[in-house]
Amino acid sequence: MTDYLPKEVLEGLEAARKADLKKKSRLRVRVGEDMYRVLRFWDGGFALDAENAPNLRGLVDLYNGGAHLYQCLIVATAEEDGQMLYEFKRNTAAVDRAPLDFVRDENAPAGLLERPDA
């Protein structure tokens, strides 16, 4: 058995691997109005397809489908195996409301109801 494969076969295998990663991933990076599909995601960063990915740097938003997950400050670090790698400088979870600057009592009322005759 030989360890050598023709260039066309290697390119076909790489294209199939990329297509499979794109199909499985719901993660997307949004930069302004542009969206890019995330191929890989790990604690310290993520990877995009090098063919379509610009040399991103700065503030981006990370989505899982339509759900906003993170607001990230990123920098492009390297390109390897057809993927552009980006590392997080800051990765903040997105929330749908402002954080409280005080401790909320467990038994605090949920709201105030007024009397109709008042």
N, C-alpha and C. Protein backbone atom coordinates (compact mmCIF):
# COMPACT_ATOMS: atom_id res chain seq x y z
N MET A 1 0.84 -1.19 0.00
CA MET A 1 0.00 0.00 0.00
C MET A 1 0.88 1.25 0.00
N THR A 2 0.44 2.25 -0.67
CA THR A 2 1.24 3.47 -0.80
C THR A 2 0.61 4.61 0.01
N ASP A 3 1.44 5.54 0.47
CA ASP A 3 0.96 6.69 1.24
C ASP A 3 0.73 7.90 0.36
N TYR A 4 0.89 7.76 -0.94
CA TYR A 4 0.77 8.89 -1.86
C TYR A 4 -0.60 8.86 -2.54
N LEU A 5 -1.27 9.99 -2.52
CA LEU A 5 -2.52 10.14 -3.26
C LEU A 5 -2.35 11.26 -4.27
N PRO A 6 -2.98 11.12 -5.42
CA PRO A 6 -2.88 12.19 -6.43
C PRO A 6 -3.44 13.51 -5.90
N LYS A 7 -2.95 14.60 -6.44
CA LYS A 7 -3.34 15.94 -6.01
C LYS A 7 -4.85 16.14 -6.12
N GLU A 8 -5.46 15.64 -7.18
CA GLU A 8 -6.90 15.80 -7.41
C GLU A 8 -7.71 15.10 -6.31
N VAL A 9 -7.24 13.93 -5.91
CA VAL A 9 -7.94 13.18 -4.86
C VAL A 9 -7.84 13.92 -3.53
N LEU A 10 -6.65 14.43 -3.19
CA LEU A 10 -6.47 15.19 -1.96
C LEU A 10 -7.35 16.44 -1.94
N GLU A 11 -7.43 17.13 -3.08
CA GLU A 11 -8.27 18.32 -3.17
C GLU A 11 -9.74 17.96 -3.00
N GLY A 12 -10.16 16.84 -3.58
CA GLY A 12 -11.54 16.37 -3.44
C GLY A 12 -11.87 16.01 -2.01
N LEU A 13 -10.93 15.35 -1.33
CA LEU A 13 -11.15 14.99 0.08
C LEU A 13 -11.24 16.24 0.95
N GLU A 14 -10.39 17.21 0.69
CA GLU A 14 -10.41 18.46 1.46
C GLU A 14 -11.72 19.22 1.23
N ALA A 15 -12.18 19.27 -0.01
CA ALA A 15 -13.45 19.94 -0.32
C ALA A 15 -14.62 19.25 0.37
N ALA A 16 -14.61 17.92 0.39
CA ALA A 16 -15.67 17.17 1.06
C ALA A 16 -15.63 17.41 2.57
N ARG A 17 -14.43 17.49 3.14
CA ARG A 17 -14.32 17.75 4.58
C ARG A 17 -14.85 19.13 4.94
N LYS A 18 -14.52 20.13 4.14
CA LYS A 18 -15.02 21.49 4.37
C LYS A 18 -16.53 21.56 4.24
N ALA A 19 -17.06 20.89 3.22
CA ALA A 19 -18.52 20.88 3.01
C ALA A 19 -19.22 20.24 4.20
N ASP A 20 -18.63 19.17 4.74
CA ASP A 20 -19.22 18.51 5.90
C ASP A 20 -19.19 19.42 7.13
N LEU A 21 -18.08 20.13 7.35
CA LEU A 21 -17.99 21.06 8.48
C LEU A 21 -19.01 22.18 8.34
N LYS A 22 -19.18 22.70 7.14
CA LYS A 22 -20.13 23.78 6.91
C LYS A 22 -21.56 23.32 7.16
N LYS A 23 -21.86 22.08 6.78
CA LYS A 23 -23.20 21.56 6.96
C LYS A 23 -23.54 21.38 8.44
N LYS A 24 -22.59 20.91 9.22
CA LYS A 24 -22.83 20.59 10.62
C LYS A 24 -22.90 21.83 11.52
N SER A 25 -22.20 22.87 11.17
CA SER A 25 -22.08 24.03 12.05
C SER A 25 -23.22 25.01 11.84
N ARG A 26 -23.84 25.44 12.96
CA ARG A 26 -24.86 26.49 12.93
C ARG A 26 -24.26 27.82 13.38
N LEU A 27 -23.02 27.79 13.83
CA LEU A 27 -22.39 29.01 14.32
C LEU A 27 -22.02 29.94 13.18
N ARG A 28 -22.24 31.23 13.41
CA ARG A 28 -21.93 32.25 12.42
C ARG A 28 -21.28 33.43 13.12
N VAL A 29 -20.39 34.10 12.38
CA VAL A 29 -19.77 35.33 12.86
C VAL A 29 -20.34 36.47 12.03
N ARG A 30 -20.76 37.52 12.72
CA ARG A 30 -21.30 38.69 12.02
C ARG A 30 -20.35 39.86 12.22
N VAL A 31 -19.97 40.47 11.10
CA VAL A 31 -19.11 41.64 11.08
C VAL A 31 -19.85 42.69 10.26
N GLY A 32 -20.42 43.67 10.93
CA GLY A 32 -21.24 44.66 10.22
C GLY A 32 -22.44 43.97 9.62
N GLU A 33 -22.56 43.99 8.29
CA GLU A 33 -23.67 43.32 7.60
C GLU A 33 -23.27 41.95 7.06
N ASP A 34 -21.99 41.60 7.14
CA ASP A 34 -21.50 40.34 6.58
C ASP A 34 -21.56 39.22 7.61
N MET A 35 -21.93 38.01 7.14
CA MET A 35 -21.97 36.82 7.99
C MET A 35 -21.04 35.77 7.41
N TYR A 36 -20.31 35.07 8.29
CA TYR A 36 -19.40 34.00 7.89
C TYR A 36 -19.68 32.78 8.74
N ARG A 37 -19.72 31.60 8.11
CA ARG A 37 -19.97 30.36 8.83
C ARG A 37 -18.71 29.90 9.56
N VAL A 38 -18.87 29.53 10.82
CA VAL A 38 -17.76 29.04 11.64
C VAL A 38 -17.58 27.55 11.38
N LEU A 39 -16.36 27.15 11.04
CA LEU A 39 -16.08 25.74 10.80
C LEU A 39 -15.76 25.01 12.10
N ARG A 40 -14.95 25.65 12.95
CA ARG A 40 -14.58 25.07 14.25
C ARG A 40 -14.66 26.15 15.31
N PHE A 41 -14.98 25.73 16.53
CA PHE A 41 -15.07 26.64 17.67
C PHE A 41 -14.44 25.97 18.87
N TRP A 42 -13.61 26.69 19.62
CA TRP A 42 -13.00 26.17 20.84
C TRP A 42 -12.97 27.30 21.85
N ASP A 43 -12.51 27.01 23.06
CA ASP A 43 -12.53 27.99 24.15
C ASP A 43 -11.78 29.28 23.80
N GLY A 44 -10.70 29.17 23.07
CA GLY A 44 -9.87 30.34 22.81
C GLY A 44 -10.10 31.01 21.47
N GLY A 45 -11.02 30.48 20.64
CA GLY A 45 -11.23 31.10 19.34
C GLY A 45 -12.10 30.27 18.42
N PHE A 46 -11.96 30.54 17.13
CA PHE A 46 -12.74 29.84 16.12
C PHE A 46 -12.00 29.87 14.79
N ALA A 47 -12.50 29.09 13.83
CA ALA A 47 -11.90 29.02 12.50
C ALA A 47 -12.97 29.23 11.44
N LEU A 48 -12.59 29.96 10.39
CA LEU A 48 -13.45 30.18 9.22
C LEU A 48 -12.76 29.62 8.00
N ASP A 49 -13.53 29.42 6.93
CA ASP A 49 -12.97 28.97 5.67
C ASP A 49 -12.05 30.07 5.13
N ALA A 50 -10.81 29.72 4.84
CA ALA A 50 -9.82 30.72 4.42
C ALA A 50 -10.16 31.35 3.07
N GLU A 51 -10.90 30.66 2.23
CA GLU A 51 -11.25 31.20 0.92
C GLU A 51 -12.19 32.41 1.04
N ASN A 52 -13.11 32.36 2.00
CA ASN A 52 -14.12 33.40 2.13
C ASN A 52 -13.84 34.39 3.25
N ALA A 53 -12.96 34.04 4.16
CA ALA A 53 -12.75 34.85 5.36
C ALA A 53 -11.76 35.98 5.12
N PRO A 54 -12.16 37.18 5.45
CA PRO A 54 -11.19 38.28 5.40
C PRO A 54 -10.27 38.21 6.62
N ASN A 55 -9.29 39.03 6.65
CA ASN A 55 -8.39 39.10 7.80
C ASN A 55 -9.08 39.93 8.88
N LEU A 56 -10.00 39.31 9.60
CA LEU A 56 -10.82 40.01 10.59
C LEU A 56 -9.99 40.42 11.79
N ARG A 57 -10.37 41.56 12.35
CA ARG A 57 -9.74 42.06 13.57
C ARG A 57 -10.72 43.04 14.19
N GLY A 58 -10.94 42.92 15.50
CA GLY A 58 -11.82 43.85 16.17
C GLY A 58 -13.05 43.18 16.74
N LEU A 59 -14.14 43.94 16.81
CA LEU A 59 -15.36 43.50 17.46
C LEU A 59 -16.27 42.76 16.48
N VAL A 60 -16.67 41.53 16.84
CA VAL A 60 -17.59 40.73 16.04
C VAL A 60 -18.65 40.13 16.97
N ASP A 61 -19.75 39.68 16.37
CA ASP A 61 -20.81 39.00 17.11
C ASP A 61 -20.87 37.56 16.66
N LEU A 62 -21.04 36.63 17.61
CA LEU A 62 -21.10 35.21 17.32
C LEU A 62 -22.52 34.73 17.57
N TYR A 63 -23.12 34.07 16.58
CA TYR A 63 -24.49 33.59 16.65
C TYR A 63 -24.55 32.08 16.48
N ASN A 64 -25.52 31.47 17.14
CA ASN A 64 -25.87 30.07 16.91
C ASN A 64 -27.26 30.09 16.30
N GLY A 65 -27.33 29.96 14.99
CA GLY A 65 -28.61 30.16 14.30
C GLY A 65 -29.01 31.62 14.45
N GLY A 66 -30.15 31.87 15.11
CA GLY A 66 -30.59 33.24 15.33
C GLY A 66 -30.28 33.76 16.72
N ALA A 67 -29.73 32.91 17.58
CA ALA A 67 -29.44 33.30 18.97
C ALA A 67 -28.07 33.96 19.08
N HIS A 68 -28.05 35.16 19.63
CA HIS A 68 -26.80 35.89 19.83
C HIS A 68 -26.10 35.31 21.05
N LEU A 69 -24.93 34.70 20.85
CA LEU A 69 -24.20 34.05 21.94
C LEU A 69 -23.17 34.96 22.60
N TYR A 70 -22.29 35.54 21.79
CA TYR A 70 -21.16 36.28 22.32
C TYR A 70 -20.89 37.55 21.50
N GLN A 71 -20.34 38.52 22.18
CA GLN A 71 -19.72 39.66 21.52
C GLN A 71 -18.24 39.50 21.80
N CYS A 72 -17.44 39.45 20.73
CA CYS A 72 -16.03 39.07 20.86
C CYS A 72 -15.11 40.12 20.26
N LEU A 73 -13.99 40.28 20.90
CA LEU A 73 -12.89 41.07 20.35
C LEU A 73 -11.87 40.04 19.87
N ILE A 74 -11.58 40.05 18.56
CA ILE A 74 -10.76 38.98 17.99
C ILE A 74 -9.57 39.54 17.21
N VAL A 75 -8.64 38.63 16.93
CA VAL A 75 -7.51 38.92 16.06
C VAL A 75 -7.21 37.65 15.26
N ALA A 76 -6.92 37.82 13.97
CA ALA A 76 -6.54 36.68 13.13
C ALA A 76 -5.13 36.25 13.51
N THR A 77 -4.94 34.95 13.69
CA THR A 77 -3.64 34.47 14.14
C THR A 77 -2.87 33.69 13.08
N ALA A 78 -3.56 32.81 12.34
CA ALA A 78 -2.83 31.97 11.39
C ALA A 78 -3.80 31.39 10.37
N GLU A 79 -3.21 30.87 9.32
CA GLU A 79 -3.98 30.11 8.34
C GLU A 79 -3.35 28.74 8.25
N GLU A 80 -4.17 27.70 8.44
CA GLU A 80 -3.66 26.35 8.33
C GLU A 80 -4.74 25.42 7.80
N ASP A 81 -4.38 24.53 6.93
CA ASP A 81 -5.28 23.55 6.33
C ASP A 81 -6.52 24.18 5.72
N GLY A 82 -6.37 25.32 5.08
CA GLY A 82 -7.50 25.97 4.42
C GLY A 82 -8.46 26.68 5.36
N GLN A 83 -8.05 26.84 6.62
CA GLN A 83 -8.87 27.53 7.61
C GLN A 83 -8.13 28.73 8.17
N MET A 84 -8.84 29.82 8.34
CA MET A 84 -8.28 31.02 8.97
C MET A 84 -8.62 30.95 10.45
N LEU A 85 -7.62 31.02 11.31
CA LEU A 85 -7.82 30.89 12.75
C LEU A 85 -7.86 32.26 13.40
N TYR A 86 -8.79 32.44 14.33
CA TYR A 86 -8.96 33.69 15.07
C TYR A 86 -8.95 33.37 16.55
N GLU A 87 -8.31 34.22 17.33
CA GLU A 87 -8.27 34.05 18.78
C GLU A 87 -9.04 35.18 19.44
N PHE A 88 -9.65 34.84 20.58
CA PHE A 88 -10.38 35.83 21.35
C PHE A 88 -9.42 36.65 22.20
N LYS A 89 -9.57 37.96 22.15
CA LYS A 89 -8.90 38.83 23.12
C LYS A 89 -9.87 39.05 24.28
N ARG A 90 -11.17 39.11 23.91
CA ARG A 90 -12.25 39.24 24.89
C ARG A 90 -13.44 38.49 24.31
N ASN A 91 -14.15 37.76 25.17
CA ASN A 91 -15.31 36.99 24.76
C ASN A 91 -16.39 37.17 25.81
N THR A 92 -17.39 38.00 25.54
CA THR A 92 -18.43 38.33 26.51
C THR A 92 -19.74 37.72 26.08
N ALA A 93 -20.38 37.00 27.00
CA ALA A 93 -21.69 36.40 26.71
C ALA A 93 -22.72 37.50 26.49
N ALA A 94 -23.54 37.32 25.48
CA ALA A 94 -24.60 38.29 25.18
C ALA A 94 -25.79 38.02 26.09
N VAL A 95 -26.36 39.08 26.63
CA VAL A 95 -27.55 38.96 27.49
C VAL A 95 -28.65 39.83 26.92
N ASP A 96 -29.89 39.48 27.26
CA ASP A 96 -31.02 40.21 26.70
C ASP A 96 -31.53 41.32 27.62
N ARG A 97 -30.86 41.54 28.74
CA ARG A 97 -31.25 42.63 29.64
C ARG A 97 -30.00 43.17 30.34
N ALA A 98 -30.10 44.37 30.84
CA ALA A 98 -28.97 44.99 31.52
C ALA A 98 -28.71 44.29 32.86
N PRO A 99 -27.45 44.18 33.25
CA PRO A 99 -27.15 43.54 34.54
C PRO A 99 -27.60 44.43 35.70
N LEU A 100 -27.98 43.78 36.81
CA LEU A 100 -28.37 44.51 38.01
C LEU A 100 -27.13 44.94 38.77
N ASP A 101 -27.19 46.11 39.37
CA ASP A 101 -26.05 46.56 40.17
C ASP A 101 -26.36 46.43 41.66
N PHE A 102 -27.34 45.56 42.00
CA PHE A 102 -27.68 45.31 43.39
C PHE A 102 -28.18 43.87 43.49
N VAL A 103 -28.24 43.36 44.73
CA VAL A 103 -28.72 42.01 44.97
C VAL A 103 -30.24 42.06 45.07
N ARG A 104 -30.91 41.23 44.30
CA ARG A 104 -32.37 41.18 44.33
C ARG A 104 -32.81 40.20 45.42
N ASP A 105 -33.73 40.64 46.28
CA ASP A 105 -34.27 39.81 47.35
C ASP A 105 -35.12 38.70 46.74
N GLU A 106 -35.00 37.48 47.29
CA GLU A 106 -35.78 36.35 46.77
C GLU A 106 -37.28 36.58 46.90
N ASN A 107 -37.70 37.24 47.98
CA ASN A 107 -39.13 37.44 48.24
C ASN A 107 -39.62 38.81 47.78
N ALA A 108 -38.88 39.48 46.96
CA ALA A 108 -39.29 40.80 46.48
C ALA A 108 -40.50 40.65 45.57
N PRO A 109 -41.42 41.61 45.62
CA PRO A 109 -42.60 41.52 44.75
C PRO A 109 -42.20 41.64 43.27
N ALA A 110 -42.95 40.96 42.42
CA ALA A 110 -42.65 41.01 40.99
C ALA A 110 -43.12 42.30 40.37
N GLY A 111 -44.09 42.95 40.98
CA GLY A 111 -44.61 44.20 40.44
C GLY A 111 -45.57 44.84 41.44
N LEU A 112 -46.12 45.98 41.08
CA LEU A 112 -47.04 46.72 41.94
C LEU A 112 -48.39 46.77 41.25
N LEU A 113 -49.41 46.30 41.96
CA LEU A 113 -50.78 46.36 41.45
C LEU A 113 -51.52 47.48 42.15
N GLU A 114 -52.14 48.33 41.40
CA GLU A 114 -52.91 49.43 42.00
C GLU A 114 -54.36 49.01 42.15
N ARG A 115 -55.03 49.62 43.12
CA ARG A 115 -56.46 49.36 43.32
C ARG A 115 -57.23 50.05 42.20
N PRO A 116 -58.28 49.40 41.70
CA PRO A 116 -59.06 50.04 40.66
C PRO A 116 -59.86 51.25 41.16
N ASP A 117 -60.17 51.31 42.47
CA ASP A 117 -60.96 52.43 43.00
C ASP A 117 -60.08 53.58 43.46
N ALA A 118 -58.80 53.48 43.35
CA ALA A 118 -57.92 54.54 43.84
C ALA A 118 -57.69 55.62 42.85
